[in-house]
Amino acid sequence: FAVAIGWADAELTVARLIDGILHRGDIT
């Protein structure tokens, strides 16, 4: 998982982090 708290562009940043760990599961 990825979580942003008090982070500018939180939504875009978390989406990019998840793209880096797609191997850890089978559904986003």
mmCIF file of all heavy atoms, coordinates in Angstrom:
data_MODEL
# 
_entry.id   MODEL 
# 
loop_
_atom_site.group_PDB 
_atom_site.id 
_atom_site.type_symbol 
_atom_site.label_atom_id 
_atom_site.label_alt_id 
_atom_site.label_comp_id 
_atom_site.label_asym_id 
_atom_site.label_entity_id 
_atom_site.label_seq_id 
_atom_site.pdbx_PDB_ins_code 
_atom_site.Cartn_x 
_atom_site.Cartn_y 
_atom_site.Cartn_z 
_atom_site.occupancy 
_atom_site.B_iso_or_equiv 
_atom_site.pdbx_formal_charge 
_atom_site.auth_seq_id 
_atom_site.auth_comp_id 
_atom_site.auth_asym_id 
_atom_site.auth_atom_id 
_atom_site.pdbx_PDB_model_num 
ATOM 1   N N   . PHE A 1 1  ? 0.836  -1.194  0.000   1.00 0.00 ? 1  PHE A N   1 
ATOM 2   C CA  . PHE A 1 1  ? 0.000  0.000   0.000   1.00 0.00 ? 1  PHE A CA  1 
ATOM 3   C C   . PHE A 1 1  ? 0.872  1.245   0.000   1.00 0.00 ? 1  PHE A C   1 
ATOM 4   O O   . PHE A 1 1  ? 2.083  1.198   0.252   1.00 0.00 ? 1  PHE A O   1 
ATOM 5   C CB  . PHE A 1 1  ? -0.966 0.008   1.195   1.00 0.00 ? 1  PHE A CB  1 
ATOM 6   C CG  . PHE A 1 1  ? -0.308 0.129   2.542   1.00 0.00 ? 1  PHE A CG  1 
ATOM 7   C CD1 . PHE A 1 1  ? 0.084  1.359   3.044   1.00 0.00 ? 1  PHE A CD1 1 
ATOM 8   C CD2 . PHE A 1 1  ? -0.098 -0.998  3.328   1.00 0.00 ? 1  PHE A CD2 1 
ATOM 9   C CE1 . PHE A 1 1  ? 0.687  1.476   4.290   1.00 0.00 ? 1  PHE A CE1 1 
ATOM 10  C CE2 . PHE A 1 1  ? 0.504  -0.908  4.572   1.00 0.00 ? 1  PHE A CE2 1 
ATOM 11  C CZ  . PHE A 1 1  ? 0.897  0.341   5.062   1.00 0.00 ? 1  PHE A CZ  1 
ATOM 12  N N   . ALA A 1 2  ? 0.212  2.368   -0.306  1.00 0.00 ? 2  ALA A N   1 
ATOM 13  C CA  . ALA A 1 2  ? 0.864  3.667   -0.239  1.00 0.00 ? 2  ALA A CA  1 
ATOM 14  C C   . ALA A 1 2  ? -0.117 4.648   0.383   1.00 0.00 ? 2  ALA A C   1 
ATOM 15  O O   . ALA A 1 2  ? -1.319 4.607   0.092   1.00 0.00 ? 2  ALA A O   1 
ATOM 16  C CB  . ALA A 1 2  ? 1.278  4.134   -1.630  1.00 0.00 ? 2  ALA A CB  1 
ATOM 17  N N   . VAL A 1 3  ? 0.405  5.512   1.239   1.00 0.00 ? 3  VAL A N   1 
ATOM 18  C CA  . VAL A 1 3  ? -0.421 6.512   1.926   1.00 0.00 ? 3  VAL A CA  1 
ATOM 19  C C   . VAL A 1 3  ? 0.339  7.830   1.956   1.00 0.00 ? 3  VAL A C   1 
ATOM 20  O O   . VAL A 1 3  ? 1.530  7.860   2.302   1.00 0.00 ? 3  VAL A O   1 
ATOM 21  C CB  . VAL A 1 3  ? -0.772 6.065   3.363   1.00 0.00 ? 3  VAL A CB  1 
ATOM 22  C CG1 . VAL A 1 3  ? -1.487 7.187   4.111   1.00 0.00 ? 3  VAL A CG1 1 
ATOM 23  C CG2 . VAL A 1 3  ? -1.617 4.805   3.350   1.00 0.00 ? 3  VAL A CG2 1 
ATOM 24  N N   . ALA A 1 4  ? -0.355 8.898   1.601   1.00 0.00 ? 4  ALA A N   1 
ATOM 25  C CA  . ALA A 1 4  ? 0.203  10.251  1.709   1.00 0.00 ? 4  ALA A CA  1 
ATOM 26  C C   . ALA A 1 4  ? -0.615 11.041  2.712   1.00 0.00 ? 4  ALA A C   1 
ATOM 27  O O   . ALA A 1 4  ? -1.850 11.025  2.656   1.00 0.00 ? 4  ALA A O   1 
ATOM 28  C CB  . ALA A 1 4  ? 0.179  10.943  0.349   1.00 0.00 ? 4  ALA A CB  1 
ATOM 29  N N   . ILE A 1 5  ? 0.062  11.724  3.626   1.00 0.00 ? 5  ILE A N   1 
ATOM 30  C CA  . ILE A 1 5  ? -0.616 12.515  4.647   1.00 0.00 ? 5  ILE A CA  1 
ATOM 31  C C   . ILE A 1 5  ? 0.012  13.907  4.680   1.00 0.00 ? 5  ILE A C   1 
ATOM 32  O O   . ILE A 1 5  ? 1.223  14.044  4.898   1.00 0.00 ? 5  ILE A O   1 
ATOM 33  C CB  . ILE A 1 5  ? -0.514 11.833  6.027   1.00 0.00 ? 5  ILE A CB  1 
ATOM 34  C CG1 . ILE A 1 5  ? -1.228 10.484  5.996   1.00 0.00 ? 5  ILE A CG1 1 
ATOM 35  C CG2 . ILE A 1 5  ? -1.084 12.732  7.118   1.00 0.00 ? 5  ILE A CG2 1 
ATOM 36  C CD1 . ILE A 1 5  ? -1.093 9.672   7.250   1.00 0.00 ? 5  ILE A CD1 1 
ATOM 37  N N   . GLY A 1 6  ? -0.816 14.930  4.428   1.00 0.00 ? 6  GLY A N   1 
ATOM 38  C CA  . GLY A 1 6  ? -0.305 16.293  4.393   1.00 0.00 ? 6  GLY A CA  1 
ATOM 39  C C   . GLY A 1 6  ? 0.643  16.527  3.239   1.00 0.00 ? 6  GLY A C   1 
ATOM 40  O O   . GLY A 1 6  ? 1.510  17.401  3.313   1.00 0.00 ? 6  GLY A O   1 
ATOM 41  N N   . TRP A 1 7  ? 0.478  15.761  2.162   1.00 0.00 ? 7  TRP A N   1 
ATOM 42  C CA  . TRP A 1 7  ? 1.428  15.776  1.047   1.00 0.00 ? 7  TRP A CA  1 
ATOM 43  C C   . TRP A 1 7  ? 0.819  16.492  -0.161  1.00 0.00 ? 7  TRP A C   1 
ATOM 44  O O   . TRP A 1 7  ? -0.306 16.185  -0.567  1.00 0.00 ? 7  TRP A O   1 
ATOM 45  C CB  . TRP A 1 7  ? 1.781  14.349  0.665   1.00 0.00 ? 7  TRP A CB  1 
ATOM 46  C CG  . TRP A 1 7  ? 3.057  14.229  -0.109  1.00 0.00 ? 7  TRP A CG  1 
ATOM 47  C CD1 . TRP A 1 7  ? 3.208  14.339  -1.460  1.00 0.00 ? 7  TRP A CD1 1 
ATOM 48  C CD2 . TRP A 1 7  ? 4.362  14.001  0.416   1.00 0.00 ? 7  TRP A CD2 1 
ATOM 49  N NE1 . TRP A 1 7  ? 4.536  14.188  -1.814  1.00 0.00 ? 7  TRP A NE1 1 
ATOM 50  C CE2 . TRP A 1 7  ? 5.258  13.974  -0.676  1.00 0.00 ? 7  TRP A CE2 1 
ATOM 51  C CE3 . TRP A 1 7  ? 4.856  13.806  1.708   1.00 0.00 ? 7  TRP A CE3 1 
ATOM 52  C CZ2 . TRP A 1 7  ? 6.629  13.761  -0.511  1.00 0.00 ? 7  TRP A CZ2 1 
ATOM 53  C CZ3 . TRP A 1 7  ? 6.224  13.600  1.880   1.00 0.00 ? 7  TRP A CZ3 1 
ATOM 54  C CH2 . TRP A 1 7  ? 7.088  13.571  0.787   1.00 0.00 ? 7  TRP A CH2 1 
ATOM 55  N N   . ALA A 1 8  ? 1.546  17.441  -0.720  1.00 0.00 ? 8  ALA A N   1 
ATOM 56  C CA  . ALA A 1 8  ? 1.076  18.102  -1.931  1.00 0.00 ? 8  ALA A CA  1 
ATOM 57  C C   . ALA A 1 8  ? 0.948  17.080  -3.061  1.00 0.00 ? 8  ALA A C   1 
ATOM 58  O O   . ALA A 1 8  ? 1.779  16.167  -3.174  1.00 0.00 ? 8  ALA A O   1 
ATOM 59  C CB  . ALA A 1 8  ? 2.040  19.219  -2.325  1.00 0.00 ? 8  ALA A CB  1 
ATOM 60  N N   . ASP A 1 9  ? -0.076 17.226  -3.907  1.00 0.00 ? 9  ASP A N   1 
ATOM 61  C CA  . ASP A 1 9  ? -0.330 16.263  -4.986  1.00 0.00 ? 9  ASP A CA  1 
ATOM 62  C C   . ASP A 1 9  ? -0.434 14.842  -4.443  1.00 0.00 ? 9  ASP A C   1 
ATOM 63  O O   . ASP A 1 9  ? 0.112  13.898  -5.015  1.00 0.00 ? 9  ASP A O   1 
ATOM 64  C CB  . ASP A 1 9  ? 0.776  16.331  -6.054  1.00 0.00 ? 9  ASP A CB  1 
ATOM 65  C CG  . ASP A 1 9  ? 0.811  17.669  -6.762  1.00 0.00 ? 9  ASP A CG  1 
ATOM 66  O OD1 . ASP A 1 9  ? -0.274 18.232  -7.017  1.00 0.00 ? 9  ASP A OD1 1 
ATOM 67  O OD2 . ASP A 1 9  ? 1.921  18.151  -7.052  1.00 0.00 ? 9  ASP A OD2 1 
ATOM 68  N N   . ALA A 1 10 ? -1.135 14.695  -3.315  1.00 0.00 ? 10 ALA A N   1 
ATOM 69  C CA  . ALA A 1 10 ? -1.221 13.390  -2.651  1.00 0.00 ? 10 ALA A CA  1 
ATOM 70  C C   . ALA A 1 10 ? -1.788 12.313  -3.568  1.00 0.00 ? 10 ALA A C   1 
ATOM 71  O O   . ALA A 1 10 ? -1.253 11.193  -3.640  1.00 0.00 ? 10 ALA A O   1 
ATOM 72  C CB  . ALA A 1 10 ? -2.081 13.509  -1.390  1.00 0.00 ? 10 ALA A CB  1 
ATOM 73  N N   . GLU A 1 11 ? -2.858 12.630  -4.286  1.00 0.00 ? 11 GLU A N   1 
ATOM 74  C CA  . GLU A 1 11 ? -3.523 11.619  -5.117  1.00 0.00 ? 11 GLU A CA  1 
ATOM 75  C C   . GLU A 1 11 ? -2.600 11.128  -6.221  1.00 0.00 ? 11 GLU A C   1 
ATOM 76  O O   . GLU A 1 11 ? -2.445 9.918   -6.428  1.00 0.00 ? 11 GLU A O   1 
ATOM 77  C CB  . GLU A 1 11 ? -4.809 12.203  -5.704  1.00 0.00 ? 11 GLU A CB  1 
ATOM 78  C CG  . GLU A 1 11 ? -5.634 11.190  -6.474  1.00 0.00 ? 11 GLU A CG  1 
ATOM 79  C CD  . GLU A 1 11 ? -6.991 11.757  -6.873  1.00 0.00 ? 11 GLU A CD  1 
ATOM 80  O OE1 . GLU A 1 11 ? -7.324 12.875  -6.440  1.00 0.00 ? 11 GLU A OE1 1 
ATOM 81  O OE2 . GLU A 1 11 ? -7.713 11.069  -7.612  1.00 0.00 ? 11 GLU A OE2 1 
ATOM 82  N N   . LEU A 1 12 ? -1.974 12.037  -6.939  1.00 0.00 ? 12 LEU A N   1 
ATOM 83  C CA  . LEU A 1 12 ? -1.077 11.658  -8.027  1.00 0.00 ? 12 LEU A CA  1 
ATOM 84  C C   . LEU A 1 12 ? 0.135  10.907  -7.491  1.00 0.00 ? 12 LEU A C   1 
ATOM 85  O O   . LEU A 1 12 ? 0.582  9.914   -8.078  1.00 0.00 ? 12 LEU A O   1 
ATOM 86  C CB  . LEU A 1 12 ? -0.630 12.900  -8.791  1.00 0.00 ? 12 LEU A CB  1 
ATOM 87  C CG  . LEU A 1 12 ? 0.395  12.673  -9.916  1.00 0.00 ? 12 LEU A CG  1 
ATOM 88  C CD1 . LEU A 1 12 ? -0.185 11.745  -10.984 1.00 0.00 ? 12 LEU A CD1 1 
ATOM 89  C CD2 . LEU A 1 12 ? 0.819  14.013  -10.528 1.00 0.00 ? 12 LEU A CD2 1 
ATOM 90  N N   . THR A 1 13 ? 0.672  11.356  -6.373  1.00 0.00 ? 13 THR A N   1 
ATOM 91  C CA  . THR A 1 13 ? 1.861  10.716  -5.791  1.00 0.00 ? 13 THR A CA  1 
ATOM 92  C C   . THR A 1 13 ? 1.570  9.284   -5.385  1.00 0.00 ? 13 THR A C   1 
ATOM 93  O O   . THR A 1 13 ? 2.349  8.370   -5.689  1.00 0.00 ? 13 THR A O   1 
ATOM 94  C CB  . THR A 1 13 ? 2.347  11.518  -4.561  1.00 0.00 ? 13 THR A CB  1 
ATOM 95  O OG1 . THR A 1 13 ? 2.661  12.847  -4.966  1.00 0.00 ? 13 THR A OG1 1 
ATOM 96  C CG2 . THR A 1 13 ? 3.581  10.870  -3.952  1.00 0.00 ? 13 THR A CG2 1 
ATOM 97  N N   . VAL A 1 14 ? 0.456  9.047   -4.715  1.00 0.00 ? 14 VAL A N   1 
ATOM 98  C CA  . VAL A 1 14 ? 0.106  7.698   -4.278  1.00 0.00 ? 14 VAL A CA  1 
ATOM 99  C C   . VAL A 1 14 ? -0.152 6.791   -5.485  1.00 0.00 ? 14 VAL A C   1 
ATOM 100 O O   . VAL A 1 14 ? 0.248  5.612   -5.492  1.00 0.00 ? 14 VAL A O   1 
ATOM 101 C CB  . VAL A 1 14 ? -1.111 7.735   -3.335  1.00 0.00 ? 14 VAL A CB  1 
ATOM 102 C CG1 . VAL A 1 14 ? -1.709 6.345   -3.149  1.00 0.00 ? 14 VAL A CG1 1 
ATOM 103 C CG2 . VAL A 1 14 ? -0.688 8.303   -1.983  1.00 0.00 ? 14 VAL A CG2 1 
ATOM 104 N N   . ALA A 1 15 ? -0.807 7.313   -6.494  1.00 0.00 ? 15 ALA A N   1 
ATOM 105 C CA  . ALA A 1 15 ? -1.053 6.512   -7.702  1.00 0.00 ? 15 ALA A CA  1 
ATOM 106 C C   . ALA A 1 15 ? 0.260  6.057   -8.331  1.00 0.00 ? 15 ALA A C   1 
ATOM 107 O O   . ALA A 1 15 ? 0.385  4.904   -8.777  1.00 0.00 ? 15 ALA A O   1 
ATOM 108 C CB  . ALA A 1 15 ? -1.878 7.313   -8.702  1.00 0.00 ? 15 ALA A CB  1 
ATOM 109 N N   . ARG A 1 16 ? 1.244  6.934   -8.352  1.00 0.00 ? 16 ARG A N   1 
ATOM 110 C CA  . ARG A 1 16 ? 2.551  6.572   -8.923  1.00 0.00 ? 16 ARG A CA  1 
ATOM 111 C C   . ARG A 1 16 ? 3.275  5.558   -8.037  1.00 0.00 ? 16 ARG A C   1 
ATOM 112 O O   . ARG A 1 16 ? 3.960  4.666   -8.542  1.00 0.00 ? 16 ARG A O   1 
ATOM 113 C CB  . ARG A 1 16 ? 3.398  7.826   -9.107  1.00 0.00 ? 16 ARG A CB  1 
ATOM 114 C CG  . ARG A 1 16 ? 2.852  8.789   -10.173 1.00 0.00 ? 16 ARG A CG  1 
ATOM 115 C CD  . ARG A 1 16 ? 3.720  10.032  -10.274 1.00 0.00 ? 16 ARG A CD  1 
ATOM 116 N NE  . ARG A 1 16 ? 5.069  9.692   -10.707 1.00 0.00 ? 16 ARG A NE  1 
ATOM 117 C CZ  . ARG A 1 16 ? 6.106  10.538  -10.648 1.00 0.00 ? 16 ARG A CZ  1 
ATOM 118 N NH1 . ARG A 1 16 ? 5.940  11.761  -10.135 1.00 0.00 ? 16 ARG A NH1 1 
ATOM 119 N NH2 . ARG A 1 16 ? 7.304  10.168  -11.060 1.00 0.00 ? 16 ARG A NH2 1 
ATOM 120 N N   . LEU A 1 17 ? 3.143  5.686   -6.728  1.00 0.00 ? 17 LEU A N   1 
ATOM 121 C CA  . LEU A 1 17 ? 3.760  4.709   -5.824  1.00 0.00 ? 17 LEU A CA  1 
ATOM 122 C C   . LEU A 1 17 ? 3.166  3.320   -6.043  1.00 0.00 ? 17 LEU A C   1 
ATOM 123 O O   . LEU A 1 17 ? 3.894  2.322   -6.078  1.00 0.00 ? 17 LEU A O   1 
ATOM 124 C CB  . LEU A 1 17 ? 3.568  5.137   -4.369  1.00 0.00 ? 17 LEU A CB  1 
ATOM 125 C CG  . LEU A 1 17 ? 4.337  6.375   -3.897  1.00 0.00 ? 17 LEU A CG  1 
ATOM 126 C CD1 . LEU A 1 17 ? 3.927  6.741   -2.483  1.00 0.00 ? 17 LEU A CD1 1 
ATOM 127 C CD2 . LEU A 1 17 ? 5.840  6.141   -3.966  1.00 0.00 ? 17 LEU A CD2 1 
ATOM 128 N N   . ILE A 1 18 ? 1.854  3.242   -6.192  1.00 0.00 ? 18 ILE A N   1 
ATOM 129 C CA  . ILE A 1 18 ? 1.206  1.949   -6.407  1.00 0.00 ? 18 ILE A CA  1 
ATOM 130 C C   . ILE A 1 18 ? 1.685  1.313   -7.697  1.00 0.00 ? 18 ILE A C   1 
ATOM 131 O O   . ILE A 1 18 ? 1.868  0.087   -7.773  1.00 0.00 ? 18 ILE A O   1 
ATOM 132 C CB  . ILE A 1 18 ? -0.329 2.123   -6.415  1.00 0.00 ? 18 ILE A CB  1 
ATOM 133 C CG1 . ILE A 1 18 ? -0.828 2.461   -5.006  1.00 0.00 ? 18 ILE A CG1 1 
ATOM 134 C CG2 . ILE A 1 18 ? -1.021 0.860   -6.931  1.00 0.00 ? 18 ILE A CG2 1 
ATOM 135 C CD1 . ILE A 1 18 ? -0.612 1.371   -3.976  1.00 0.00 ? 18 ILE A CD1 1 
ATOM 136 N N   . ASP A 1 19 ? 1.944  2.113   -8.720  1.00 0.00 ? 19 ASP A N   1 
ATOM 137 C CA  . ASP A 1 19 ? 2.467  1.567   -9.981  1.00 0.00 ? 19 ASP A CA  1 
ATOM 138 C C   . ASP A 1 19 ? 3.796  0.856   -9.772  1.00 0.00 ? 19 ASP A C   1 
ATOM 139 O O   . ASP A 1 19 ? 4.162  -0.028  -10.561 1.00 0.00 ? 19 ASP A O   1 
ATOM 140 C CB  . ASP A 1 19 ? 2.645  2.688   -11.008 1.00 0.00 ? 19 ASP A CB  1 
ATOM 141 C CG  . ASP A 1 19 ? 1.325  3.145   -11.611 1.00 0.00 ? 19 ASP A CG  1 
ATOM 142 O OD1 . ASP A 1 19 ? 0.331  2.398   -11.502 1.00 0.00 ? 19 ASP A OD1 1 
ATOM 143 O OD2 . ASP A 1 19 ? 1.282  4.255   -12.188 1.00 0.00 ? 19 ASP A OD2 1 
ATOM 144 N N   . GLY A 1 20 ? 4.515  1.224   -8.709  1.00 0.00 ? 20 GLY A N   1 
ATOM 145 C CA  . GLY A 1 20 ? 5.811  0.599   -8.440  1.00 0.00 ? 20 GLY A CA  1 
ATOM 146 C C   . GLY A 1 20 ? 5.733  -0.682  -7.641  1.00 0.00 ? 20 GLY A C   1 
ATOM 147 O O   . GLY A 1 20 ? 6.748  -1.365  -7.454  1.00 0.00 ? 20 GLY A O   1 
ATOM 148 N N   . ILE A 1 21 ? 4.535  -1.054  -7.152  1.00 0.00 ? 21 ILE A N   1 
ATOM 149 C CA  . ILE A 1 21 ? 4.393  -2.279  -6.364  1.00 0.00 ? 21 ILE A CA  1 
ATOM 150 C C   . ILE A 1 21 ? 3.265  -3.165  -6.891  1.00 0.00 ? 21 ILE A C   1 
ATOM 151 O O   . ILE A 1 21 ? 2.626  -3.888  -6.123  1.00 0.00 ? 21 ILE A O   1 
ATOM 152 C CB  . ILE A 1 21 ? 4.182  -1.971  -4.860  1.00 0.00 ? 21 ILE A CB  1 
ATOM 153 C CG1 . ILE A 1 21 ? 2.976  -1.041  -4.649  1.00 0.00 ? 21 ILE A CG1 1 
ATOM 154 C CG2 . ILE A 1 21 ? 5.442  -1.387  -4.236  1.00 0.00 ? 21 ILE A CG2 1 
ATOM 155 C CD1 . ILE A 1 21 ? 2.606  -0.858  -3.179  1.00 0.00 ? 21 ILE A CD1 1 
ATOM 156 N N   . LEU A 1 22 ? 3.038  -3.133  -8.175  1.00 0.00 ? 22 LEU A N   1 
ATOM 157 C CA  . LEU A 1 22 ? 1.967  -3.934  -8.755  1.00 0.00 ? 22 LEU A CA  1 
ATOM 158 C C   . LEU A 1 22 ? 2.187  -5.430  -8.546  1.00 0.00 ? 22 LEU A C   1 
ATOM 159 O O   . LEU A 1 22 ? 1.224  -6.208  -8.495  1.00 0.00 ? 22 LEU A O   1 
ATOM 160 C CB  . LEU A 1 22 ? 1.833  -3.633  -10.257 1.00 0.00 ? 22 LEU A CB  1 
ATOM 161 C CG  . LEU A 1 22 ? 1.376  -2.219  -10.615 1.00 0.00 ? 22 LEU A CG  1 
ATOM 162 C CD1 . LEU A 1 22 ? 1.284  -2.066  -12.131 1.00 0.00 ? 22 LEU A CD1 1 
ATOM 163 C CD2 . LEU A 1 22 ? 0.045  -1.871  -9.956  1.00 0.00 ? 22 LEU A CD2 1 
ATOM 164 N N   . HIS A 1 23 ? 3.450  -5.847  -8.404  1.00 0.00 ? 23 HIS A N   1 
ATOM 165 C CA  . HIS A 1 23 ? 3.751  -7.271  -8.217  1.00 0.00 ? 23 HIS A CA  1 
ATOM 166 C C   . HIS A 1 23 ? 3.256  -7.795  -6.871  1.00 0.00 ? 23 HIS A C   1 
ATOM 167 O O   . HIS A 1 23 ? 3.152  -9.010  -6.686  1.00 0.00 ? 23 HIS A O   1 
ATOM 168 C CB  . HIS A 1 23 ? 5.257  -7.511  -8.317  1.00 0.00 ? 23 HIS A CB  1 
ATOM 169 C CG  . HIS A 1 23 ? 6.067  -6.587  -7.450  1.00 0.00 ? 23 HIS A CG  1 
ATOM 170 N ND1 . HIS A 1 23 ? 6.502  -5.350  -7.876  1.00 0.00 ? 23 HIS A ND1 1 
ATOM 171 C CD2 . HIS A 1 23 ? 6.512  -6.707  -6.172  1.00 0.00 ? 23 HIS A CD2 1 
ATOM 172 C CE1 . HIS A 1 23 ? 7.178  -4.749  -6.916  1.00 0.00 ? 23 HIS A CE1 1 
ATOM 173 N NE2 . HIS A 1 23 ? 7.203  -5.556  -5.857  1.00 0.00 ? 23 HIS A NE2 1 
ATOM 174 N N   . ARG A 1 24 ? 2.917  -6.914  -5.938  1.00 0.00 ? 24 ARG A N   1 
ATOM 175 C CA  . ARG A 1 24 ? 2.549  -7.360  -4.595  1.00 0.00 ? 24 ARG A CA  1 
ATOM 176 C C   . ARG A 1 24 ? 1.096  -7.811  -4.485  1.00 0.00 ? 24 ARG A C   1 
ATOM 177 O O   . ARG A 1 24 ? 0.653  -8.222  -3.405  1.00 0.00 ? 24 ARG A O   1 
ATOM 178 C CB  . ARG A 1 24 ? 2.825  -6.252  -3.575  1.00 0.00 ? 24 ARG A CB  1 
ATOM 179 C CG  . ARG A 1 24 ? 4.305  -5.932  -3.417  1.00 0.00 ? 24 ARG A CG  1 
ATOM 180 C CD  . ARG A 1 24 ? 4.548  -4.941  -2.276  1.00 0.00 ? 24 ARG A CD  1 
ATOM 181 N NE  . ARG A 1 24 ? 4.323  -5.542  -0.974  1.00 0.00 ? 24 ARG A NE  1 
ATOM 182 C CZ  . ARG A 1 24 ? 5.267  -6.108  -0.218  1.00 0.00 ? 24 ARG A CZ  1 
ATOM 183 N NH1 . ARG A 1 24 ? 6.520  -6.170  -0.664  1.00 0.00 ? 24 ARG A NH1 1 
ATOM 184 N NH2 . ARG A 1 24 ? 4.964  -6.617  0.965   1.00 0.00 ? 24 ARG A NH2 1 
ATOM 185 N N   . GLY A 1 25 ? 0.325  -7.747  -5.559  1.00 0.00 ? 25 GLY A N   1 
ATOM 186 C CA  . GLY A 1 25 ? -1.064 -8.174  -5.494  1.00 0.00 ? 25 GLY A CA  1 
ATOM 187 C C   . GLY A 1 25 ? -1.633 -8.430  -6.864  1.00 0.00 ? 25 GLY A C   1 
ATOM 188 O O   . GLY A 1 25 ? -0.912 -8.417  -7.866  1.00 0.00 ? 25 GLY A O   1 
ATOM 189 N N   . ASP A 1 26 ? -2.937 -8.656  -6.920  1.00 0.00 ? 26 ASP A N   1 
ATOM 190 C CA  . ASP A 1 26 ? -3.568 -8.933  -8.204  1.00 0.00 ? 26 ASP A CA  1 
ATOM 191 C C   . ASP A 1 26 ? -4.685 -7.955  -8.545  1.00 0.00 ? 26 ASP A C   1 
ATOM 192 O O   . ASP A 1 26 ? -5.332 -8.091  -9.586  1.00 0.00 ? 26 ASP A O   1 
ATOM 193 C CB  . ASP A 1 26 ? -4.089 -10.380 -8.253  1.00 0.00 ? 26 ASP A CB  1 
ATOM 194 C CG  . ASP A 1 26 ? -5.012 -10.709 -7.085  1.00 0.00 ? 26 ASP A CG  1 
ATOM 195 O OD1 . ASP A 1 26 ? -5.500 -9.781  -6.422  1.00 0.00 ? 26 ASP A OD1 1 
ATOM 196 O OD2 . ASP A 1 26 ? -5.243 -11.911 -6.843  1.00 0.00 ? 26 ASP A OD2 1 
ATOM 197 N N   . ILE A 1 27 ? -4.939 -6.982  -7.676  1.00 0.00 ? 27 ILE A N   1 
ATOM 198 C CA  . ILE A 1 27 ? -5.954 -5.981  -7.955  1.00 0.00 ? 27 ILE A CA  1 
ATOM 199 C C   . ILE A 1 27 ? -5.584 -4.690  -7.246  1.00 0.00 ? 27 ILE A C   1 
ATOM 200 O O   . ILE A 1 27 ? -5.050 -4.712  -6.132  1.00 0.00 ? 27 ILE A O   1 
ATOM 201 C CB  . ILE A 1 27 ? -7.358 -6.466  -7.510  1.00 0.00 ? 27 ILE A CB  1 
ATOM 202 C CG1 . ILE A 1 27 ? -8.439 -5.488  -7.976  1.00 0.00 ? 27 ILE A CG1 1 
ATOM 203 C CG2 . ILE A 1 27 ? -7.414 -6.648  -5.991  1.00 0.00 ? 27 ILE A CG2 1 
ATOM 204 C CD1 . ILE A 1 27 ? -9.848 -5.994  -7.731  1.00 0.00 ? 27 ILE A CD1 1 
ATOM 205 N N   . THR A 1 28 ? -5.836 -3.560  -7.918  1.00 0.00 ? 28 THR A N   1 
ATOM 206 C CA  . THR A 1 28 ? -5.610 -2.267  -7.293  1.00 0.00 ? 28 THR A CA  1 
ATOM 207 C C   . THR A 1 28 ? -6.943 -1.719  -6.812  1.00 0.00 ? 28 THR A C   1 
ATOM 208 O O   . THR A 1 28 ? -7.867 -1.518  -7.609  1.00 0.00 ? 28 THR A O   1 
ATOM 209 C CB  . THR A 1 28 ? -4.966 -1.272  -8.277  1.00 0.00 ? 28 THR A CB  1 
ATOM 210 O OG1 . THR A 1 28 ? -3.699 -1.787  -8.707  1.00 0.00 ? 28 THR A OG1 1 
ATOM 211 C CG2 . THR A 1 28 ? -4.752 0.083   -7.618  1.00 0.00 ? 28 THR A CG2 1 
# 
